[in-house]
Amino acid sequence: MDRSARGAFSVRLLVIFNGHAAAGRSQRYRTDIEQFLLASGLKPDFRFTRGPGDAARLVSEADLEGVDGLVAAGGDGTLFEVVNGLYARSPGDRIPLGVLPIGTGNAFARDLGLDPWAWKKAVEVLAAGHTRAVDVGQVVCEEDSFHFLNIIGMGFAVDAGLTAHRLKFLGNGAYTLATLWQVLKLHSYPLEIEIDGQFLAEENVFVEISNTRYTGTHFMIAPDARMDDGLLDVVMLRKLSRARVLRLFPTIYSGQHVAFEEVRTLKARKIRISGPPGMPLAVDGEFRGTTPVEITCLARDLELFAERPR
């Protein structure tokens, strides 16, 4: 879907702007972003978040009549809330979604070819009007359900994520420092997992279920993931020594960790994790839900503003 295919392209966008993203640094660019959107022929309607849950509420309650696109301006956590606000609406209200990567972690945007803080290029993508259908992860826990675009994990991912959250004032280095710190306190967890009918029971340091390749800021956790293949990529790290994980850790930047014998990778449409109960989950930069959990890939379920494939 693009200007040439649709004829006259309507340009009204609802922009959910998180001025607290990246420890407040995003707020410095608000005026510049608005002016660049206008100069690009777009008509933005800004709504500003004040705290957790605001982005989802603003989207779920918005009047989308005549709105041609929704934009998440922030990091992965902002995008997560915007997606869930969109999925709180009826399917007919799920207008195309765009991303302005101005947060601490912009992992999902990387798979769209957008580097962190490359908001000018992101606006150009919005102005071009081309969209693609992408997969969405659906998560059901005992007392909660939600959706994600990027990644959900447990074990080490939660431990490191909680530490990184406390270190966000350090910027992009927060995730790396938090990961190294958790290596020193390395834990493994007994997990019972069903992956498309295949049952596994083993000690794992982490389980990551990815729709895209990246997590954090630069970690290529699932190098073979594709956001439109109708499958989620499961990456599991079995119990290993600290010395071994220190050898593995630098290879996550390039995705070469999947070659280690302690790493198992699978592709799946549905994953169930039943043990141990009560383990917290980390999803798209946020912490929500606990095990037992069922995770399903909704194939090509959402339209996303993206560059036209070359």
C-alpha atoms as a PDB file:
ATOM      1  CA  MET A   1       0.000   0.000   0.000  1.00  0.00           C
ATOM      2  CA  ASP A   2       1.597   3.266  -1.117  1.00  0.00           C
ATOM      3  CA  ARG A   3       0.765   6.595  -2.704  1.00  0.00           C
ATOM      4  CA  SER A   4       0.962   5.337  -6.257  1.00  0.00           C
ATOM      5  CA  ALA A   5      -1.200   2.305  -5.502  1.00  0.00           C
ATOM      6  CA  ARG A   6      -3.817   4.207  -3.519  1.00  0.00           C
ATOM      7  CA  GLY A   7      -4.038   7.393  -5.539  1.00  0.00           C
ATOM      8  CA  ALA A   8      -4.496  10.450  -3.325  1.00  0.00           C
ATOM      9  CA  PHE A   9      -2.751   9.545  -0.098  1.00  0.00           C
ATOM     10  CA  SER A  10      -4.373  10.783   3.094  1.00  0.00           C
ATOM     11  CA  VAL A  11      -1.776  11.862   5.580  1.00  0.00           C
ATOM     12  CA  ARG A  12      -3.509  12.278   8.912  1.00  0.00           C
ATOM     13  CA  LEU A  13      -1.506  10.501  11.594  1.00  0.00           C
ATOM     14  CA  LEU A  14      -2.181   9.973  15.287  1.00  0.00           C
ATOM     15  CA  VAL A  15       1.218  10.254  16.990  1.00  0.00           C
ATOM     16  CA  ILE A  16       1.574   8.781  20.483  1.00  0.00           C
ATOM     17  CA  PHE A  17       4.616  10.615  21.834  1.00  0.00           C
ATOM     18  CA  ASN A  18       6.485   9.417  24.933  1.00  0.00           C
ATOM     19  CA  GLY A  19       8.417  12.421  26.198  1.00  0.00           C
ATOM     20  CA  HIS A  20       9.856  10.279  28.998  1.00  0.00           C
ATOM     21  CA  ALA A  21      11.512   7.838  26.576  1.00  0.00           C
ATOM     22  CA  ALA A  22      15.313   7.550  26.809  1.00  0.00           C
ATOM     23  CA  ALA A  23      15.271   9.154  30.268  1.00  0.00           C
ATOM     24  CA  GLY A  24      13.516  12.227  28.835  1.00  0.00           C
ATOM     25  CA  ARG A  25      15.872  12.838  25.918  1.00  0.00           C
ATOM     26  CA  SER A  26      13.052  12.237  23.428  1.00  0.00           C
ATOM     27  CA  GLN A  27      11.305  15.419  24.597  1.00  0.00           C
ATOM     28  CA  ARG A  28      14.135  17.556  23.177  1.00  0.00           C
ATOM     29  CA  TYR A  29      13.191  16.477  19.650  1.00  0.00           C
ATOM     30  CA  ARG A  30       9.424  16.905  19.844  1.00  0.00           C
ATOM     31  CA  THR A  31       9.298  20.267  18.048  1.00  0.00           C
ATOM     32  CA  ASP A  32      11.799  19.187  15.382  1.00  0.00           C
ATOM     33  CA  ILE A  33       9.851  15.992  14.744  1.00  0.00           C
ATOM     34  CA  GLU A  34       6.557  17.836  14.422  1.00  0.00           C
ATOM     35  CA  GLN A  35       8.032  20.371  11.999  1.00  0.00           C
ATOM     36  CA  PHE A  36       9.627  17.630   9.894  1.00  0.00           C
ATOM     37  CA  LEU A  37       6.344  15.713   9.740  1.00  0.00           C
ATOM     38  CA  LEU A  38       4.555  18.836   8.527  1.00  0.00           C
ATOM     39  CA  ALA A  39       7.308  19.633   6.027  1.00  0.00           C
ATOM     40  CA  SER A  40       6.951  16.082   4.671  1.00  0.00           C
ATOM     41  CA  GLY A  41       3.297  16.670   3.827  1.00  0.00           C
ATOM     42  CA  LEU A  42       1.903  14.801   6.836  1.00  0.00           C
ATOM     43  CA  LYS A  43      -0.745  16.005   9.278  1.00  0.00           C
ATOM     44  CA  PRO A  44       0.190  14.798  12.762  1.00  0.00           C
ATOM     45  CA  ASP A  45      -2.155  14.840  15.733  1.00  0.00           C
ATOM     46  CA  PHE A  46       0.070  14.503  18.820  1.00  0.00           C
ATOM     47  CA  ARG A  47      -1.031  12.804  22.040  1.00  0.00           C
ATOM     48  CA  PHE A  48       1.425  12.760  24.938  1.00  0.00           C
ATOM     49  CA  THR A  49       1.918  10.052  27.530  1.00  0.00           C
ATOM     50  CA  ARG A  50       2.426  10.896  31.181  1.00  0.00           C
ATOM     51  CA  GLY A  51       3.145   7.501  32.649  1.00  0.00           C
ATOM     52  CA  PRO A  52       2.873   3.719  32.254  1.00  0.00           C
ATOM     53  CA  GLY A  53      -0.287   2.564  30.519  1.00  0.00           C
ATOM     54  CA  ASP A  54      -1.032   5.954  28.951  1.00  0.00           C
ATOM     55  CA  ALA A  55      -0.031   4.965  25.407  1.00  0.00           C
ATOM     56  CA  ALA A  56      -2.341   1.935  25.391  1.00  0.00           C
ATOM     57  CA  ARG A  57      -5.208   3.967  26.853  1.00  0.00           C
ATOM     58  CA  LEU A  58      -4.758   6.855  24.410  1.00  0.00           C
ATOM     59  CA  VAL A  59      -4.898   4.460  21.449  1.00  0.00           C
ATOM     60  CA  SER A  60      -7.805   2.387  22.724  1.00  0.00           C
ATOM     61  CA  GLU A  61      -9.913   5.498  23.413  1.00  0.00           C
ATOM     62  CA  ALA A  62      -8.936   7.593  20.363  1.00  0.00           C
ATOM     63  CA  ASP A  63     -11.376   8.590  17.654  1.00  0.00           C
ATOM     64  CA  LEU A  64      -9.758   7.074  14.575  1.00  0.00           C
ATOM     65  CA  GLU A  65     -12.367   8.275  12.103  1.00  0.00           C
ATOM     66  CA  GLY A  66     -10.434   9.747   9.175  1.00  0.00           C
ATOM     67  CA  VAL A  67      -7.053   8.775  10.662  1.00  0.00           C
ATOM     68  CA  ASP A  68      -4.798   7.009   8.159  1.00  0.00           C
ATOM     69  CA  GLY A  69      -2.020   5.830  10.414  1.00  0.00           C
ATOM     70  CA  LEU A  70      -0.897   5.423  14.008  1.00  0.00           C
ATOM     71  CA  VAL A  71       2.662   6.269  15.085  1.00  0.00           C
ATOM     72  CA  ALA A  72       4.525   5.116  18.204  1.00  0.00           C
ATOM     73  CA  ALA A  73       7.161   7.733  19.076  1.00  0.00           C
ATOM     74  CA  GLY A  74       9.408   6.284  21.769  1.00  0.00           C
ATOM     75  CA  GLY A  75      11.191   3.014  22.418  1.00  0.00           C
ATOM     76  CA  ASP A  76      10.137  -0.635  22.421  1.00  0.00           C
ATOM     77  CA  GLY A  77       8.034  -0.161  25.553  1.00  0.00           C
ATOM     78  CA  THR A  78       6.044   2.629  23.903  1.00  0.00           C
ATOM     79  CA  LEU A  79       5.507   0.474  20.822  1.00  0.00           C
ATOM     80  CA  PHE A  80       4.353  -2.408  23.014  1.00  0.00           C
ATOM     81  CA  GLU A  81       1.698  -0.228  24.650  1.00  0.00           C
ATOM     82  CA  VAL A  82       0.545   1.247  21.336  1.00  0.00           C
ATOM     83  CA  VAL A  83       0.153  -2.240  19.830  1.00  0.00           C
ATOM     84  CA  ASN A  84      -1.908  -3.379  22.798  1.00  0.00           C
ATOM     85  CA  GLY A  85      -4.069  -0.265  22.610  1.00  0.00           C
ATOM     86  CA  LEU A  86      -4.664  -1.057  18.959  1.00  0.00           C
ATOM     87  CA  TYR A  87      -5.560  -4.693  19.710  1.00  0.00           C
ATOM     88  CA  ALA A  88      -8.012  -3.555  22.381  1.00  0.00           C
ATOM     89  CA  ARG A  89     -10.082  -2.186  19.483  1.00  0.00           C
ATOM     90  CA  SER A  90     -12.111  -4.105  16.917  1.00  0.00           C
ATOM     91  CA  PRO A  91     -10.150  -5.567  13.966  1.00  0.00           C
ATOM     92  CA  GLY A  92     -11.656  -2.990  11.623  1.00  0.00           C
ATOM     93  CA  ASP A  93     -10.023  -0.193  13.640  1.00  0.00           C
ATOM     94  CA  ARG A  94      -6.470  -1.539  13.287  1.00  0.00           C
ATOM     95  CA  ILE A  95      -5.034   1.125  11.026  1.00  0.00           C
ATOM     96  CA  PRO A  96      -1.415   0.926   9.768  1.00  0.00           C
ATOM     97  CA  LEU A  97       1.250   1.441  12.424  1.00  0.00           C
ATOM     98  CA  GLY A  98       4.503   3.388  12.141  1.00  0.00           C
ATOM     99  CA  VAL A  99       7.526   3.807  14.415  1.00  0.00           C
ATOM    100  CA  LEU A 100       9.697   6.782  15.396  1.00  0.00           C
ATOM    101  CA  PRO A 101      12.682   5.200  17.223  1.00  0.00           C
ATOM    102  CA  ILE A 102      13.497   7.687  19.995  1.00  0.00           C
ATOM    103  CA  GLY A 103      13.783   5.434  23.050  1.00  0.00           C
ATOM    104  CA  THR A 104      16.493   3.671  25.016  1.00  0.00           C
ATOM    105  CA  GLY A 105      15.852   0.394  23.245  1.00  0.00           C
ATOM    106  CA  ASN A 106      14.709   0.491  19.618  1.00  0.00           C
ATOM    107  CA  ALA A 107      15.153  -3.168  18.782  1.00  0.00           C
ATOM    108  CA  PHE A 108      12.054  -3.579  16.647  1.00  0.00           C
ATOM    109  CA  ALA A 109      12.879  -0.521  14.545  1.00  0.00           C
ATOM    110  CA  ARG A 110      16.220  -2.095  13.603  1.00  0.00           C
ATOM    111  CA  ASP A 111      14.421  -4.808  11.672  1.00  0.00           C
ATOM    112  CA  LEU A 112      12.722  -2.043   9.704  1.00  0.00           C
ATOM    113  CA  GLY A 113      16.140  -0.668   8.737  1.00  0.00           C
ATOM    114  CA  LEU A 114      15.842   2.204  11.217  1.00  0.00           C
ATOM    115  CA  ASP A 115      18.795   2.888  13.497  1.00  0.00           C
ATOM    116  CA  PRO A 116      18.113   4.316  16.968  1.00  0.00           C
ATOM    117  CA  TRP A 117      17.209   8.007  16.742  1.00  0.00           C
ATOM    118  CA  ALA A 118      16.915   7.854  12.927  1.00  0.00           C
ATOM    119  CA  TRP A 119      13.573   9.639  13.205  1.00  0.00           C
ATOM    120  CA  LYS A 120      14.056  11.642  10.000  1.00  0.00           C
ATOM    121  CA  LYS A 121      14.354   8.446   7.984  1.00  0.00           C
ATOM    122  CA  ALA A 122      11.343   7.083   9.875  1.00  0.00           C
ATOM    123  CA  VAL A 123       9.297  10.131   8.877  1.00  0.00           C
ATOM    124  CA  GLU A 124      10.347   9.602   5.254  1.00  0.00           C
ATOM    125  CA  VAL A 125       9.012   6.041   5.504  1.00  0.00           C
ATOM    126  CA  LEU A 126       5.699   7.384   6.812  1.00  0.00           C
ATOM    127  CA  ALA A 127       5.520   9.961   4.017  1.00  0.00           C
ATOM    128  CA  ALA A 128       6.120   7.311   1.339  1.00  0.00           C
ATOM    129  CA  GLY A 129       3.002   5.504   2.568  1.00  0.00           C
ATOM    130  CA  HIS A 130       4.148   1.964   1.792  1.00  0.00           C
ATOM    131  CA  THR A 131       3.035  -0.733   4.242  1.00  0.00           C
ATOM    132  CA  ARG A 132       3.664  -4.433   4.746  1.00  0.00           C
ATOM    133  CA  ALA A 133       1.744  -7.079   6.698  1.00  0.00           C
ATOM    134  CA  VAL A 134       3.685  -8.430   9.695  1.00  0.00           C
ATOM    135  CA  ASP A 135       3.203 -11.140  12.282  1.00  0.00           C
ATOM    136  CA  VAL A 136       2.043 -10.376  15.816  1.00  0.00           C
ATOM    137  CA  GLY A 137       2.651 -12.457  18.928  1.00  0.00           C
ATOM    138  CA  GLN A 138      -0.363 -13.211  21.120  1.00  0.00           C
ATOM    139  CA  VAL A 139       0.281 -14.059  24.788  1.00  0.00           C
ATOM    140  CA  VAL A 140      -2.198 -15.673  27.172  1.00  0.00           C
ATOM    141  CA  CYS A 141      -1.384 -16.125  30.860  1.00  0.00           C
ATOM    142  CA  GLU A 142      -3.683 -17.282  33.654  1.00  0.00           C
ATOM    143  CA  GLU A 143      -4.724 -13.728  34.586  1.00  0.00           C
ATOM    144  CA  ASP A 144      -3.587 -11.634  31.619  1.00  0.00           C
ATOM    145  CA  SER A 145      -3.360 -11.515  27.834  1.00  0.00           C
ATOM    146  CA  PHE A 146      -1.558  -9.157  25.475  1.00  0.00           C
ATOM    147  CA  HIS A 147       0.259  -8.843  22.129  1.00  0.00           C
ATOM    148  CA  PHE A 148       3.821  -8.099  21.055  1.00  0.00           C
ATOM    149  CA  LEU A 149       5.793  -7.295  17.907  1.00  0.00           C
ATOM    150  CA  ASN A 150       9.361  -7.927  18.979  1.00  0.00           C
ATOM    151  CA  ILE A 151      10.230 -10.487  21.657  1.00  0.00           C
ATOM    152  CA  ILE A 152       9.148 -12.154  24.871  1.00  0.00           C
ATOM    153  CA  GLY A 153      11.455 -13.996  27.219  1.00  0.00           C
ATOM    154  CA  MET A 154      12.007 -15.409  30.663  1.00  0.00           C
ATOM    155  CA  GLY A 155      14.875 -16.277  32.944  1.00  0.00           C
ATOM    156  CA  PHE A 156      18.050 -14.344  32.218  1.00  0.00           C
ATOM    157  CA  ALA A 157      16.140 -11.870  30.002  1.00  0.00           C
ATOM    158  CA  VAL A 158      14.006 -10.776  32.942  1.00  0.00           C
ATOM    159  CA  ASP A 159      16.951 -10.627  35.341  1.00  0.00           C
ATOM    160  CA  ALA A 160      18.985  -8.471  32.942  1.00  0.00           C
ATOM    161  CA  GLY A 161      15.977  -6.398  31.906  1.00  0.00           C
ATOM    162  CA  LEU A 162      15.141  -5.431  35.474  1.00  0.00           C
ATOM    163  CA  THR A 163      18.743  -4.377  36.044  1.00  0.00           C
ATOM    164  CA  ALA A 164      18.799  -2.428  32.748  1.00  0.00           C
ATOM    165  CA  HIS A 165      15.606  -0.627  33.751  1.00  0.00           C
ATOM    166  CA  ARG A 166      17.403   0.759  36.800  1.00  0.00           C
ATOM    167  CA  LEU A 167      20.331   1.833  34.591  1.00  0.00           C
ATOM    168  CA  LYS A 168      18.364   3.556  31.812  1.00  0.00           C
ATOM    169  CA  PHE A 169      20.027   6.861  32.650  1.00  0.00           C
ATOM    170  CA  LEU A 170      23.193   5.385  31.070  1.00  0.00           C
ATOM    171  CA  GLY A 171      21.494   5.225  27.656  1.00  0.00           C
ATOM    172  CA  ASN A 172      22.386   2.446  25.195  1.00  0.00           C
ATOM    173  CA  GLY A 173      25.045   1.010  27.510  1.00  0.00           C
ATOM    174  CA  ALA A 174      22.418   0.067  30.107  1.00  0.00           C
ATOM    175  CA  TYR A 175      21.536  -3.259  28.442  1.00  0.00           C
ATOM    176  CA  THR A 176      25.140  -4.330  27.967  1.00  0.00           C
ATOM    177  CA  LEU A 177      26.145  -3.476  31.530  1.00  0.00           C
ATOM    178  CA  ALA A 178      23.054  -5.172  32.944  1.00  0.00           C
ATOM    179  CA  THR A 179      23.738  -8.333  30.941  1.00  0.00           C
ATOM    180  CA  LEU A 180      27.342  -8.523  32.151  1.00  0.00           C
ATOM    181  CA  TRP A 181      26.216  -8.021  35.742  1.00  0.00           C
ATOM    182  CA  GLN A 182      23.721 -10.867  35.492  1.00  0.00           C
ATOM    183  CA  VAL A 183      26.377 -13.166  34.055  1.00  0.00           C
ATOM    184  CA  LEU A 184      28.166 -12.871  37.396  1.00  0.00           C
ATOM    185  CA  LYS A 185      24.968 -13.972  39.183  1.00  0.00           C
ATOM    186  CA  LEU A 186      24.102 -16.646  36.618  1.00  0.00           C
ATOM    187  CA  HIS A 187      20.951 -18.694  37.313  1.00  0.00           C
ATOM    188  CA  SER A 188      19.215 -21.477  35.416  1.00  0.00           C
ATOM    189  CA  TYR A 189      15.565 -22.513  35.627  1.00  0.00           C
ATOM    190  CA  PRO A 190      13.795 -25.872  35.170  1.00  0.00           C
ATOM    191  CA  LEU A 191      11.326 -25.344  32.317  1.00  0.00           C
ATOM    192  CA  GLU A 192       8.657 -27.540  30.732  1.00  0.00           C
ATOM    193  CA  ILE A 193       8.014 -26.370  27.180  1.00  0.00           C
ATOM    194  CA  GLU A 194       5.686 -27.523  24.400  1.00  0.00           C
ATOM    195  CA  ILE A 195       6.621 -26.234  20.931  1.00  0.00           C
ATOM    196  CA  ASP A 196       4.091 -27.139  18.219  1.00  0.00           C
ATOM    197  CA  GLY A 197       3.459 -30.451  19.957  1.00  0.00           C
ATOM    198  CA  GLN A 198       7.125 -31.188  20.753  1.00  0.00           C
ATOM    199  CA  PHE A 199       7.754 -31.491  24.523  1.00  0.00           C
ATOM    200  CA  LEU A 200      10.987 -30.400  26.199  1.00  0.00           C
ATOM    201  CA  ALA A 201      11.988 -30.437  29.867  1.00  0.00           C
ATOM    202  CA  GLU A 202      15.420 -29.096  30.810  1.00  0.00           C
ATOM    203  CA  GLU A 203      17.354 -26.486  32.768  1.00  0.00           C
ATOM    204  CA  ASN A 204      17.597 -23.246  30.819  1.00  0.00           C
ATOM    205  CA  VAL A 205      19.333 -19.950  31.517  1.00  0.00           C
ATOM    206  CA  PHE A 206      16.803 -18.261  29.258  1.00  0.00           C
ATOM    207  CA  VAL A 207      14.091 -18.829  26.687  1.00  0.00           C
ATOM    208  CA  GLU A 208      13.558 -16.053  24.127  1.00  0.00           C
ATOM    209  CA  ILE A 209      10.658 -16.123  21.677  1.00  0.00           C
ATOM    210  CA  SER A 210      11.244 -13.661  18.865  1.00  0.00           C
ATOM    211  CA  ASN A 211       9.283 -12.172  16.014  1.00  0.00           C
ATOM    212  CA  THR A 212      12.307 -10.118  14.917  1.00  0.00           C
ATOM    213  CA  ARG A 213      16.060 -10.453  15.122  1.00  0.00           C
ATOM    214  CA  TYR A 214      17.090  -7.909  17.751  1.00  0.00           C
ATOM    215  CA  THR A 215      16.585  -7.308  21.448  1.00  0.00           C
ATOM    216  CA  GLY A 216      17.894  -4.597  23.754  1.00  0.00           C
ATOM    217  CA  THR A 217      19.947  -2.207  21.689  1.00  0.00           C
ATOM    218  CA  HIS A 218      22.361  -4.296  19.628  1.00  0.00           C
ATOM    219  CA  PHE A 219      21.817  -7.976  20.505  1.00  0.00           C
ATOM    220  CA  MET A 220      20.935 -10.125  17.462  1.00  0.00           C
ATOM    221  CA  ILE A 221      19.236 -12.769  19.563  1.00  0.00           C
ATOM    222  CA  ALA A 222      17.369 -14.530  16.718  1.00  0.00           C
ATOM    223  CA  PRO A 223      19.381 -14.080  13.499  1.00  0.00           C
ATOM    224  CA  ASP A 224      16.970 -16.135  11.361  1.00  0.00           C
ATOM    225  CA  ALA A 225      13.764 -14.435  12.536  1.00  0.00           C
ATOM    226  CA  ARG A 226      11.480 -12.843   9.971  1.00  0.00           C
ATOM    227  CA  MET A 227       8.532 -10.701  10.994  1.00  0.00           C
ATOM    228  CA  ASP A 228       6.279 -11.921   8.187  1.00  0.00           C
ATOM    229  CA  ASP A 229       6.951 -15.670   7.912  1.00  0.00           C
ATOM    230  CA  GLY A 230       4.073 -16.794  10.129  1.00  0.00           C
ATOM    231  CA  LEU A 231       6.489 -18.254  12.694  1.00  0.00           C
ATOM    232  CA  LEU A 232       8.138 -17.249  15.964  1.00  0.00           C
ATOM    233  CA  ASP A 233      11.801 -18.073  16.594  1.00  0.00           C
ATOM    234  CA  VAL A 234      12.544 -19.838  19.884  1.00  0.00           C
ATOM    235  CA  VAL A 235      16.081 -19.493  21.274  1.00  0.00           C
ATOM    236  CA  MET A 236      16.969 -21.473  24.414  1.00  0.00           C
ATOM    237  CA  LEU A 237      20.234 -21.427  26.333  1.00  0.00           C
ATOM    238  CA  ARG A 238      20.822 -24.551  28.404  1.00  0.00           C
ATOM    239  CA  LYS A 239      22.628 -24.531  31.738  1.00  0.00           C
ATOM    240  CA  LEU A 240      26.341 -23.765  31.369  1.00  0.00           C
ATOM    241  CA  SER A 241      29.306 -22.413  33.311  1.00  0.00           C
ATOM    242  CA  ARG A 242      30.069 -18.705  33.812  1.00  0.00           C
ATOM    243  CA  ALA A 243      33.276 -19.111  31.838  1.00  0.00           C
ATOM    244  CA  ARG A 244      31.344 -20.582  28.942  1.00  0.00           C
ATOM    245  CA  VAL A 245      28.665 -17.875  28.984  1.00  0.00           C
ATOM    246  CA  LEU A 246      31.391 -15.193  29.017  1.00  0.00           C
ATOM    247  CA  ARG A 247      32.684 -16.726  25.768  1.00  0.00           C
ATOM    248  CA  LEU A 248      29.168 -16.809  24.349  1.00  0.00           C
ATOM    249  CA  PHE A 249      28.094 -13.331  25.380  1.00  0.00           C
ATOM    250  CA  PRO A 250      30.088 -11.256  22.822  1.00  0.00           C
ATOM    251  CA  THR A 251      28.757 -13.397  19.962  1.00  0.00           C
ATOM    252  CA  ILE A 252      25.137 -12.316  20.621  1.00  0.00           C
ATOM    253  CA  TYR A 253      25.903  -8.976  18.945  1.00  0.00           C
ATOM    254  CA  SER A 254      26.403 -10.763  15.625  1.00  0.00           C
ATOM    255  CA  GLY A 255      24.021 -13.688  16.129  1.00  0.00           C
ATOM    256  CA  GLN A 256      26.840 -16.243  16.196  1.00  0.00           C
ATOM    257  CA  HIS A 257      25.773 -17.532  19.623  1.00  0.00           C
ATOM    258  CA  VAL A 258      23.344 -19.896  17.870  1.00  0.00           C
ATOM    259  CA  ALA A 259      26.364 -22.006  16.842  1.00  0.00           C
ATOM    260  CA  PHE A 260      27.161 -22.892  20.482  1.00  0.00           C
ATOM    261  CA  GLU A 261      26.134 -26.419  21.460  1.00  0.00           C
ATOM    262  CA  GLU A 262      24.292 -25.086  24.524  1.00  0.00           C
ATOM    263  CA  VAL A 263      21.947 -23.025  22.328  1.00  0.00           C
ATOM    264  CA  ARG A 264      18.871 -24.622  20.784  1.00  0.00           C
ATOM    265  CA  THR A 265      16.816 -22.812  18.125  1.00  0.00           C
ATOM    266  CA  LEU A 266      13.393 -23.732  16.760  1.00  0.00           C
ATOM    267  CA  LYS A 267      10.620 -22.098  14.765  1.00  0.00           C
ATOM    268  CA  ALA A 268       7.037 -22.452  15.927  1.00  0.00           C
ATOM    269  CA  ARG A 269       3.467 -21.237  15.570  1.00  0.00           C
ATOM    270  CA  LYS A 270       2.501 -21.980  19.176  1.00  0.00           C
ATOM    271  CA  ILE A 271       4.560 -22.327  22.364  1.00  0.00           C
ATOM    272  CA  ARG A 272       3.353 -23.356  25.818  1.00  0.00           C
ATOM    273  CA  ILE A 273       5.545 -23.003  28.906  1.00  0.00           C
ATOM    274  CA  SER A 274       4.126 -24.510  32.086  1.00  0.00           C
ATOM    275  CA  GLY A 275       6.891 -24.566  34.625  1.00  0.00           C
ATOM    276  CA  PRO A 276       7.907 -23.384  37.042  1.00  0.00           C
ATOM    277  CA  PRO A 277       4.705 -21.405  37.717  1.00  0.00           C
ATOM    278  CA  GLY A 278       4.943 -17.712  38.515  1.00  0.00           C
ATOM    279  CA  MET A 279       8.081 -16.906  36.517  1.00  0.00           C
ATOM    280  CA  PRO A 280       7.889 -13.275  35.323  1.00  0.00           C
ATOM    281  CA  LEU A 281       8.048 -12.455  31.611  1.00  0.00           C
ATOM    282  CA  ALA A 282       9.920  -9.666  29.798  1.00  0.00           C
ATOM    283  CA  VAL A 283       8.159  -8.446  26.667  1.00  0.00           C
ATOM    284  CA  ASP A 284       9.259  -5.670  24.283  1.00  0.00           C
ATOM    285  CA  GLY A 285      11.137  -3.769  26.971  1.00  0.00           C
ATOM    286  CA  GLU A 286       8.403  -4.194  29.595  1.00  0.00           C
ATOM    287  CA  PHE A 287       7.611  -6.708  32.342  1.00  0.00           C
ATOM    288  CA  ARG A 288       4.204  -8.304  32.164  1.00  0.00           C
ATOM    289  CA  GLY A 289       2.683 -11.708  32.795  1.00  0.00           C
ATOM    290  CA  THR A 290       3.937 -14.920  34.412  1.00  0.00           C
ATOM    291  CA  THR A 291       4.124 -18.619  33.605  1.00  0.00           C
ATOM    292  CA  PRO A 292       2.255 -20.752  32.710  1.00  0.00           C
ATOM    293  CA  VAL A 293       1.932 -19.017  29.360  1.00  0.00           C
ATOM    294  CA  GLU A 294       0.770 -19.753  25.814  1.00  0.00           C
ATOM    295  CA  ILE A 295       2.296 -17.764  22.943  1.00  0.00           C
ATOM    296  CA  THR A 296       0.832 -17.852  19.433  1.00  0.00           C
ATOM    297  CA  CYS A 297       1.943 -16.297  16.157  1.00  0.00           C
ATOM    298  CA  LEU A 298      -0.828 -14.343  14.413  1.00  0.00           C
ATOM    299  CA  ALA A 299       0.429 -14.524  10.841  1.00  0.00           C
ATOM    300  CA  ARG A 300       0.571 -11.224   8.913  1.00  0.00           C
ATOM    301  CA  ASP A 301      -2.028  -9.748  11.223  1.00  0.00           C
ATOM    302  CA  LEU A 302      -0.996  -6.053  11.236  1.00  0.00           C
ATOM    303  CA  GLU A 303      -0.096  -3.479   8.575  1.00  0.00           C
ATOM    304  CA  LEU A 304       3.140  -1.634   9.293  1.00  0.00           C
ATOM    305  CA  PHE A 305       4.645   1.392   7.570  1.00  0.00           C
ATOM    306  CA  ALA A 306       7.933   0.200   6.056  1.00  0.00           C
ATOM    307  CA  GLU A 307      10.308   0.813   3.192  1.00  0.00           C
ATOM    308  CA  ARG A 308       9.386  -0.793  -0.094  1.00  0.00           C
ATOM    309  CA  PRO A 309      11.459  -3.990  -0.594  1.00  0.00           C
ATOM    310  CA  ARG A 310      14.324  -3.453  -3.023  1.00  0.00           C
END
